[in-house]
Protein backbone atom coordinates (compact mmCIF):
# COMPACT_ATOMS: atom_id res chain seq x y z
CA MET A 1 -20.16 14.39 -1.25
CA LYS A 2 -16.42 14.70 -1.41
CA LYS A 3 -14.11 14.21 -4.36
CA MET A 4 -11.31 11.81 -3.54
CA ILE A 5 -7.56 12.07 -4.15
CA ASN A 6 -6.36 8.53 -4.72
CA SER A 7 -2.96 6.89 -4.71
CA VAL A 8 -1.28 4.68 -7.30
CA GLN A 9 0.55 1.52 -6.27
CA HIS A 10 3.69 0.77 -8.26
CA TYR A 11 3.93 -3.02 -8.26
CA ALA A 12 6.28 -4.69 -10.76
CA TRP A 13 3.48 -6.53 -12.60
CA GLY A 14 1.62 -3.29 -13.40
CA SER A 15 1.22 -1.56 -16.75
CA LYS A 16 3.12 1.67 -17.35
CA ASP A 17 0.48 3.14 -19.65
CA ALA A 18 -2.96 1.63 -18.92
CA LEU A 19 -4.01 4.20 -16.30
CA THR A 20 -2.84 6.96 -18.61
CA ARG A 21 -4.67 5.47 -21.59
CA LEU A 22 -7.88 4.82 -19.69
CA TYR A 23 -8.02 7.81 -17.34
CA GLY A 24 -5.28 10.30 -18.23
CA ILE A 25 -3.27 9.61 -15.06
CA ALA A 26 0.28 10.85 -15.64
CA ASN A 27 3.32 8.64 -15.14
CA PRO A 28 6.27 11.06 -14.90
CA GLY A 29 8.50 8.45 -13.29
CA ASP A 30 7.82 5.85 -15.99
CA GLN A 31 7.01 3.29 -13.31
CA PRO A 32 4.58 0.38 -13.45
CA MET A 33 1.18 1.70 -12.31
CA ALA A 34 -0.49 -1.44 -11.06
CA GLU A 35 -3.41 -0.24 -8.96
CA LEU A 36 -5.35 2.93 -8.20
CA TRP A 37 -6.63 2.62 -4.63
CA MET A 38 -9.90 4.18 -3.49
CA GLY A 39 -10.70 3.75 0.16
CA ALA A 40 -9.37 4.10 3.70
CA HIS A 41 -6.81 1.31 3.83
CA PRO A 42 -4.15 2.07 6.47
CA LYS A 43 -1.36 1.42 3.95
CA SER A 44 -2.50 4.12 1.55
CA SER A 45 -5.75 5.94 2.37
CA SER A 46 -7.44 8.22 -0.13
CA ARG A 47 -7.59 11.91 0.82
CA ILE A 48 -10.47 14.37 0.84
CA SER A 49 -11.24 17.92 1.97
CA ASP A 50 -13.09 17.86 5.28
CA ASP A 51 -16.07 20.04 6.20
CA ARG A 52 -13.71 22.96 6.98
CA GLY A 53 -11.83 22.59 3.70
CA ASN A 54 -8.77 20.97 5.30
CA ASP A 55 -6.95 18.16 3.50
CA ILE A 56 -7.35 14.96 5.49
CA SER A 57 -7.00 11.24 4.95
CA LEU A 58 -10.31 9.45 4.43
CA ARG A 59 -9.33 7.04 7.20
CA ASP A 60 -8.93 9.84 9.71
CA TYR A 61 -12.13 11.52 8.53
CA ILE A 62 -14.14 8.34 9.09
CA ALA A 63 -12.51 7.73 12.50
CA GLN A 64 -13.69 11.15 13.70
CA GLN A 65 -17.34 10.30 13.12
CA PRO A 66 -17.76 6.59 12.24
CA GLY A 67 -21.51 6.43 12.82
CA ALA A 68 -22.27 9.44 10.59
CA THR A 69 -19.89 8.41 7.80
CA LEU A 70 -20.28 4.64 7.73
CA GLY A 71 -23.85 4.34 8.97
CA LYS A 72 -24.62 2.97 12.40
CA ALA A 73 -25.03 -0.66 11.29
CA VAL A 74 -21.72 -0.75 9.38
CA ALA A 75 -19.91 1.09 12.19
CA ARG A 76 -21.15 -1.51 14.69
CA ARG A 77 -20.41 -4.46 12.40
CA PHE A 78 -17.00 -3.46 11.05
CA GLY A 79 -15.78 -0.37 12.88
CA GLU A 80 -14.17 0.97 9.69
CA LEU A 81 -14.80 1.22 5.93
CA PRO A 82 -14.91 -2.53 5.24
CA PHE A 83 -13.86 -2.49 1.60
CA LEU A 84 -11.15 -1.32 -0.78
CA PHE A 85 -12.01 -0.29 -4.36
CA LYS A 86 -9.34 -0.46 -7.06
CA VAL A 87 -8.59 0.02 -10.73
CA LEU A 88 -6.21 -2.84 -11.48
CA CYS A 89 -3.88 -2.84 -14.52
CA ALA A 90 -1.96 -6.09 -15.08
CA GLN A 91 0.82 -6.16 -17.64
CA ALA A 92 2.29 -9.39 -16.24
CA PRO A 93 0.71 -12.23 -14.20
CA LEU A 94 0.07 -11.80 -10.51
CA SER A 95 0.78 -14.67 -8.13
CA ILE A 96 -1.64 -17.58 -7.85
CA GLN A 97 -3.41 -17.04 -4.55
CA VAL A 98 -5.88 -18.58 -2.17
CA HIS A 99 -7.69 -16.54 0.47
CA PRO A 100 -8.75 -18.28 3.69
CA SER A 101 -12.31 -18.34 4.98
CA LYS A 102 -13.25 -15.95 7.77
CA SER A 103 -13.07 -18.68 10.43
CA ALA A 104 -9.73 -19.97 9.12
CA ALA A 105 -8.31 -16.45 9.10
CA GLU A 106 -9.37 -15.91 12.71
CA ARG A 107 -7.80 -19.22 13.81
CA GLY A 108 -4.61 -18.75 11.80
CA PHE A 109 -4.11 -15.17 12.93
CA ALA A 110 -4.52 -16.10 16.59
CA LEU A 111 -2.23 -19.13 16.27
CA GLU A 112 0.60 -17.18 14.60
CA ASN A 113 0.25 -14.47 17.25
CA ASP A 114 0.53 -17.13 19.97
CA ARG A 115 3.64 -18.50 18.29
CA GLY A 116 5.19 -15.05 18.22
CA VAL A 117 5.53 -14.86 14.43
CA PRO A 118 6.22 -11.16 13.58
CA ILE A 119 3.40 -9.59 11.59
CA ASP A 120 5.87 -8.59 8.83
CA ALA A 121 7.78 -11.91 8.74
CA ALA A 122 8.25 -13.49 5.31
CA ASN A 123 6.79 -16.74 6.59
CA ARG A 124 3.72 -15.09 8.13
CA ASN A 125 0.51 -16.40 6.49
CA TYR A 126 -2.18 -14.44 8.37
CA LYS A 127 -1.75 -10.68 8.59
CA ASP A 128 -5.20 -10.10 10.07
CA PRO A 129 -8.25 -12.07 11.22
CA ASN A 130 -10.40 -11.29 8.17
CA HIS A 131 -11.35 -13.04 4.95
CA LYS A 132 -10.70 -11.45 1.55
CA PRO A 133 -13.62 -11.93 -0.84
CA GLU A 134 -13.13 -10.13 -4.15
CA LEU A 135 -15.15 -9.06 -7.20
CA VAL A 136 -13.46 -8.19 -10.48
CA PHE A 137 -15.27 -6.23 -13.26
CA ALA A 138 -13.51 -6.10 -16.63
CA LEU A 139 -12.79 -2.72 -18.27
CA THR A 140 -10.86 -4.36 -21.11
CA PRO A 141 -10.49 -8.06 -22.02
CA PHE A 142 -9.23 -9.40 -18.71
CA GLN A 143 -7.61 -12.83 -18.45
CA ALA A 144 -7.48 -14.76 -15.20
CA MET A 145 -7.36 -18.23 -13.69
CA ASN A 146 -10.10 -19.08 -11.25
CA GLY A 147 -11.13 -22.40 -9.69
CA PHE A 148 -10.38 -25.96 -10.64
CA ARG A 149 -11.40 -27.42 -13.99
CA GLU A 150 -13.67 -30.45 -14.17
CA ILE A 151 -11.71 -33.63 -13.44
CA THR A 152 -12.28 -34.92 -16.97
CA GLY A 153 -10.81 -31.74 -18.45
CA ILE A 154 -7.73 -31.95 -16.21
CA VAL A 155 -7.18 -35.58 -17.24
CA SER A 156 -7.31 -34.64 -20.93
CA LEU A 157 -4.86 -31.72 -20.54
CA LEU A 158 -2.36 -33.68 -18.45
CA GLN A 159 -2.00 -36.54 -20.96
CA PRO A 160 0.73 -34.80 -23.02
CA VAL A 161 2.81 -34.19 -19.87
CA ALA A 162 2.16 -37.49 -18.12
CA GLY A 163 5.88 -38.17 -17.82
CA ALA A 164 6.75 -34.85 -16.24
CA HIS A 165 6.26 -35.99 -12.62
CA PRO A 166 5.14 -39.18 -10.82
CA ALA A 167 2.27 -37.27 -9.17
CA ILE A 168 0.79 -36.61 -12.64
CA ALA A 169 0.91 -40.31 -13.49
CA ARG A 170 -0.71 -41.21 -10.15
CA PHE A 171 -3.50 -38.69 -10.74
CA LEU A 172 -4.14 -40.03 -14.23
CA GLN A 173 -4.47 -43.52 -12.77
CA HIS A 174 -6.79 -42.29 -9.99
CA PRO A 175 -8.48 -39.08 -11.18
CA ASP A 176 -10.33 -37.91 -8.10
CA ARG A 177 -10.32 -35.03 -5.60
CA THR A 178 -7.92 -36.77 -3.22
CA HIS A 179 -5.28 -37.31 -5.89
CA LEU A 180 -5.89 -33.81 -7.28
CA ALA A 181 -4.97 -32.40 -3.86
CA GLN A 182 -1.83 -34.57 -3.79
CA LEU A 183 -0.93 -33.49 -7.32
CA PHE A 184 -1.41 -29.81 -6.52
CA GLY A 185 0.77 -30.06 -3.45
CA ASP A 186 3.49 -32.20 -5.06
CA LEU A 187 3.85 -29.85 -8.01
CA LEU A 188 4.15 -26.81 -5.75
CA GLY A 189 6.65 -28.62 -3.52
CA MET A 190 9.05 -29.55 -6.33
CA THR A 191 12.68 -28.50 -5.94
CA GLY A 192 16.03 -28.98 -7.65
CA GLU A 193 16.42 -31.49 -10.46
CA GLU A 194 12.89 -32.87 -9.96
CA LYS A 195 11.48 -29.40 -10.68
CA SER A 196 13.82 -28.73 -13.61
CA LEU A 197 12.96 -32.01 -15.33
CA ALA A 198 9.22 -31.49 -14.86
CA LEU A 199 9.31 -27.96 -16.25
CA ASP A 200 11.50 -29.10 -19.17
CA VAL A 201 8.87 -31.66 -20.13
CA LEU A 202 6.11 -29.04 -19.88
CA LYS A 203 7.98 -26.45 -21.94
CA SER A 204 8.97 -28.99 -24.62
CA THR A 205 5.26 -29.80 -25.00
CA LEU A 206 4.38 -26.20 -25.86
CA GLY A 207 5.88 -26.54 -29.34
CA HIS A 208 3.29 -29.06 -30.50
CA GLN A 209 0.24 -28.16 -28.42
CA HIS A 210 -1.96 -25.33 -29.70
CA GLY A 211 -4.70 -23.11 -28.32
CA GLU A 212 -5.57 -22.73 -24.68
CA PRO A 213 -4.33 -23.25 -22.06
CA TRP A 214 -1.00 -23.88 -23.79
CA GLU A 215 -0.74 -20.36 -25.16
CA THR A 216 -1.32 -18.99 -21.66
CA ILE A 217 1.42 -21.26 -20.26
CA GLY A 218 3.80 -19.95 -22.93
CA ARG A 219 3.03 -16.31 -22.04
CA ILE A 220 3.40 -16.96 -18.30
CA ALA A 221 6.72 -18.71 -18.95
CA GLU A 222 8.13 -15.45 -20.33
CA ASP A 223 7.86 -13.95 -16.84
CA TYR A 224 8.18 -17.10 -14.67
CA PRO A 225 10.26 -19.65 -16.64
CA ASP A 226 11.27 -21.64 -13.55
CA ASP A 227 8.07 -21.54 -11.51
CA SER A 228 6.03 -24.61 -10.65
CA GLY A 229 2.93 -22.53 -11.20
CA LEU A 230 3.38 -23.06 -14.93
CA PHE A 231 1.39 -26.28 -14.49
CA SER A 232 -1.56 -24.40 -13.00
CA PRO A 233 -3.39 -23.56 -16.26
CA LEU A 234 -3.75 -27.32 -16.80
CA LEU A 235 -5.57 -27.58 -13.48
CA LEU A 236 -7.40 -24.25 -13.20
CA ASN A 237 -9.97 -22.56 -15.44
CA VAL A 238 -8.43 -19.94 -17.74
CA ILE A 239 -11.10 -17.35 -18.43
CA THR A 240 -11.12 -14.07 -20.35
CA LEU A 241 -13.72 -11.63 -19.10
CA GLN A 242 -15.04 -9.35 -21.81
CA PRO A 243 -15.55 -5.65 -20.92
CA GLY A 244 -18.58 -5.41 -18.67
CA GLN A 245 -18.35 -8.96 -17.40
CA ALA A 246 -17.55 -9.71 -13.76
CA MET A 247 -16.76 -12.64 -11.53
CA PHE A 248 -16.64 -13.23 -7.80
CA LEU A 249 -13.55 -14.83 -6.23
CA TYR A 250 -14.49 -17.15 -3.42
CA ALA A 251 -12.48 -18.15 -0.36
CA GLU A 252 -10.49 -21.36 -0.56
CA THR A 253 -10.31 -21.15 -4.39
CA PRO A 254 -7.02 -20.77 -6.30
CA HIS A 255 -7.01 -17.80 -8.67
CA ALA A 256 -4.64 -15.43 -10.46
CA TYR A 257 -4.99 -12.32 -12.58
CA LEU A 258 -2.94 -12.66 -15.78
CA ARG A 259 -3.41 -9.49 -17.89
CA GLY A 260 -5.81 -6.68 -18.62
CA GLU A 261 -7.57 -3.85 -16.81
CA ALA A 262 -10.46 -4.17 -14.36
CA LEU A 263 -12.25 -2.71 -11.39
CA GLU A 264 -11.71 -4.76 -8.26
CA VAL A 265 -13.52 -4.63 -4.95
CA MET A 266 -12.33 -6.52 -1.89
CA ALA A 267 -12.76 -6.77 1.82
CA ASN A 268 -10.08 -5.10 3.93
CA SER A 269 -7.60 -7.91 4.41
CA ASP A 270 -4.00 -8.75 3.49
CA ASN A 271 -4.43 -12.52 3.95
CA VAL A 272 -2.90 -14.27 0.94
CA LEU A 273 -1.75 -17.89 0.74
CA ARG A 274 0.43 -18.07 -2.36
CA ALA A 275 0.28 -21.00 -4.77
CA GLY A 276 2.78 -20.20 -7.50
CA LEU A 277 4.02 -17.52 -9.93
CA THR A 278 5.89 -15.81 -7.12
CA PRO A 279 9.36 -15.68 -5.57
CA LYS A 280 7.71 -15.24 -2.20
CA TYR A 281 7.11 -17.78 0.56
CA ILE A 282 4.74 -20.69 -0.17
CA ASP A 283 3.54 -22.68 2.84
CA VAL A 284 2.32 -25.77 1.01
CA PRO A 285 0.72 -27.58 4.01
CA GLU A 286 -1.15 -24.43 5.10
CA LEU A 287 -2.20 -23.76 1.53
CA LEU A 288 -3.60 -27.28 1.07
CA ALA A 289 -5.52 -26.97 4.34
CA ASN A 290 -7.27 -23.88 2.92
CA VAL A 291 -8.16 -25.13 -0.57
CA GLN A 292 -11.40 -26.76 -1.62
CA PHE A 293 -10.56 -29.22 -4.40
CA VAL A 294 -13.94 -28.81 -6.06
CA ALA A 295 -14.52 -28.11 -9.74
CA LYS A 296 -15.97 -24.73 -10.64
CA PRO A 297 -17.25 -24.99 -14.23
CA GLU A 298 -16.46 -21.89 -16.25
CA HIS A 299 -20.11 -21.02 -16.80
CA GLN A 300 -20.55 -20.78 -13.03
CA LEU A 301 -17.75 -18.24 -12.66
CA LEU A 302 -19.46 -15.25 -14.27
CA ALA A 303 -21.51 -12.95 -12.07
CA ARG A 304 -25.10 -12.58 -13.29
CA PRO A 305 -26.23 -9.00 -12.66
CA VAL A 306 -29.86 -8.01 -12.42
CA GLU A 307 -30.90 -4.83 -14.29
CA LYS A 308 -33.37 -2.46 -12.67
CA ASN A 309 -34.03 1.21 -13.48
CA GLY A 310 -30.85 1.67 -15.49
CA ALA A 311 -28.61 -0.02 -12.91
CA LEU A 312 -26.91 -3.40 -12.88
CA ARG A 313 -26.93 -5.00 -9.43
CA PHE A 314 -24.37 -7.73 -8.81
CA ALA A 315 -25.22 -10.39 -6.25
CA ILE A 316 -22.44 -10.48 -3.65
CA PRO A 317 -22.52 -13.38 -1.15
CA VAL A 318 -20.80 -11.42 1.67
CA GLU A 319 -21.63 -8.30 3.70
CA ASP A 320 -18.23 -6.62 3.30
CA PHE A 321 -19.29 -4.83 0.12
CA ALA A 322 -21.98 -4.48 -2.53
CA PHE A 323 -21.45 -3.38 -6.16
CA SER A 324 -23.68 -1.77 -8.75
CA LEU A 325 -23.12 -0.17 -12.14
CA HIS A 326 -25.27 2.73 -13.29
CA ASN A 327 -25.89 3.77 -16.89
CA LEU A 328 -26.34 7.54 -16.73
CA SER A 329 -28.63 9.83 -18.70
CA SER A 330 -29.97 13.35 -18.43
CA ALA A 331 -32.78 11.95 -16.24
CA PRO A 332 -31.50 11.86 -12.67
CA GLN A 333 -31.16 8.54 -10.87
CA ARG A 334 -31.68 8.46 -7.13
CA LEU A 335 -28.87 6.68 -5.31
CA ALA A 336 -29.62 5.73 -1.72
CA GLN A 337 -27.86 3.51 0.77
CA ASP A 338 -27.62 3.22 4.55
CA SER A 339 -23.82 3.11 4.39
CA ALA A 340 -20.87 5.00 3.03
CA ALA A 341 -20.35 4.66 -0.71
CA ILE A 342 -17.55 5.25 -3.19
CA LEU A 343 -18.68 6.33 -6.67
CA PHE A 344 -16.28 5.97 -9.61
CA CYS A 345 -16.80 7.44 -13.07
CA VAL A 346 -16.00 4.56 -15.46
CA ASP A 347 -16.56 6.63 -18.60
CA GLY A 348 -18.52 9.69 -19.71
CA GLN A 349 -19.40 12.22 -17.01
CA ALA A 350 -21.31 11.93 -13.73
CA VAL A 351 -23.02 14.84 -12.03
CA MET A 352 -24.13 14.36 -8.42
CA GLU A 353 -26.56 16.74 -6.74
CA LYS A 354 -27.74 17.01 -3.15
CA ASP A 355 -29.52 19.97 -1.53
CA GLY A 356 -28.18 22.42 -4.09
CA GLU A 357 -24.62 21.07 -3.90
CA ARG A 358 -23.17 19.74 -7.13
CA LEU A 359 -20.15 17.54 -7.82
CA THR A 360 -18.93 16.46 -11.25
CA LEU A 361 -16.77 13.41 -11.90
CA LYS A 362 -14.77 12.81 -15.06
CA PRO A 363 -13.53 9.35 -16.09
CA GLY A 364 -11.12 8.00 -13.49
CA GLU A 365 -12.40 10.30 -10.70
CA SER A 366 -14.22 9.16 -7.60
CA ALA A 367 -16.28 10.59 -4.75
CA PHE A 368 -16.92 9.51 -1.17
CA LEU A 369 -20.48 9.64 0.06
CA ALA A 370 -21.00 9.44 3.79
CA ALA A 371 -24.08 7.56 4.96
CA GLY A 372 -25.60 10.91 5.93
CA ASP A 373 -25.27 12.14 2.34
CA SER A 374 -27.84 9.64 1.09
CA PRO A 375 -29.82 9.97 -1.08
CA VAL A 376 -28.19 11.85 -4.00
CA ASN A 377 -29.34 12.35 -7.57
CA VAL A 378 -26.95 11.36 -10.34
CA SER A 379 -27.19 12.29 -14.01
CA GLY A 380 -24.85 12.64 -16.98
CA ASN A 381 -23.66 10.11 -19.56
CA GLY A 382 -21.59 6.97 -19.55
CA ARG A 383 -21.26 4.65 -16.53
CA LEU A 384 -20.82 5.12 -12.80
CA ALA A 385 -19.68 2.29 -10.49
CA ARG A 386 -20.87 2.29 -6.87
CA VAL A 387 -19.41 0.31 -3.94
CA PHE A 388 -21.37 0.36 -0.68
CA ASN A 389 -22.77 -1.95 2.00
CA GLU A 390 -26.10 -3.73 2.39
CA LEU A 391 -26.62 -5.05 5.91
């Protein structure tokens, strides 16, 4: 059991005060504090004290003894800690993104390597051969876009802007998946006067359309007034997770975080195909090849946890991570897993005990449990989030 020292990522879309408000994390530089990272990612690994009391990166600590820290099955399967755990604080919208499937990532990564595309090139799509499944768990009301609306809903929402672009008119005449794909690509590919005219029609509509998703479009326009992604809330589900709700973000599904604070767990990957709300490179043909134009009704987006012995277990359809939330009391809970785990104190206080050793976590603090530390007893009050592996 080792308390972690975690790093803050200062992305422009981050909140300056949310991490301070939630967890007392100081912001002396008055910078956006977008994400608190917990894990062993090579870009910014957490740090711990090793068995001799020396300060060491968690990544190096795991590399010294992968079988003992990760568990033998995880070490064989992944060779490293296969997940990254975050507190995410969005003041402004993040880019609309699609993550490729595992097989597509492997093919794309190999192909770009064969073509000699530098790994840090602006037009590089595949930074590694891995997929990037994600789970987001709301700490505060958390607004996001995720998955396509039902075709009938898209048709209804596009009626007021039918004259904005010929692709919209074509879709309204032939509302099916094929024309939805064409519409999505044509809107993202707009340039010059074509783009300006389309966005002018959309923005002029905001004055006499009320409620969602029009209010969301208006808010996004404050940050991205000239971005084709402003049409996306008409095509994608806009959902606000209430605190304690969670959703899984599938491969080949457009999504974007818009505002709020949440826990996020993801596989270790940097593969992002952008689809709007960004000044960065958008490879429209590659994006379209990695999108499933299938409706995901809003009621299917929410994760449905199962409660057992004071813990909420969230069904995760991948092996890269598992997630559970534990309601603590004075009666100890036994936490056991055959993998490494990261424990994060969401609120209250968590006390972990193992063979006479005791570690206390306050809100915003986390601990790394090696596979060999399992099981541990946890008591206290409030909630404790656990990320681990089930193979």
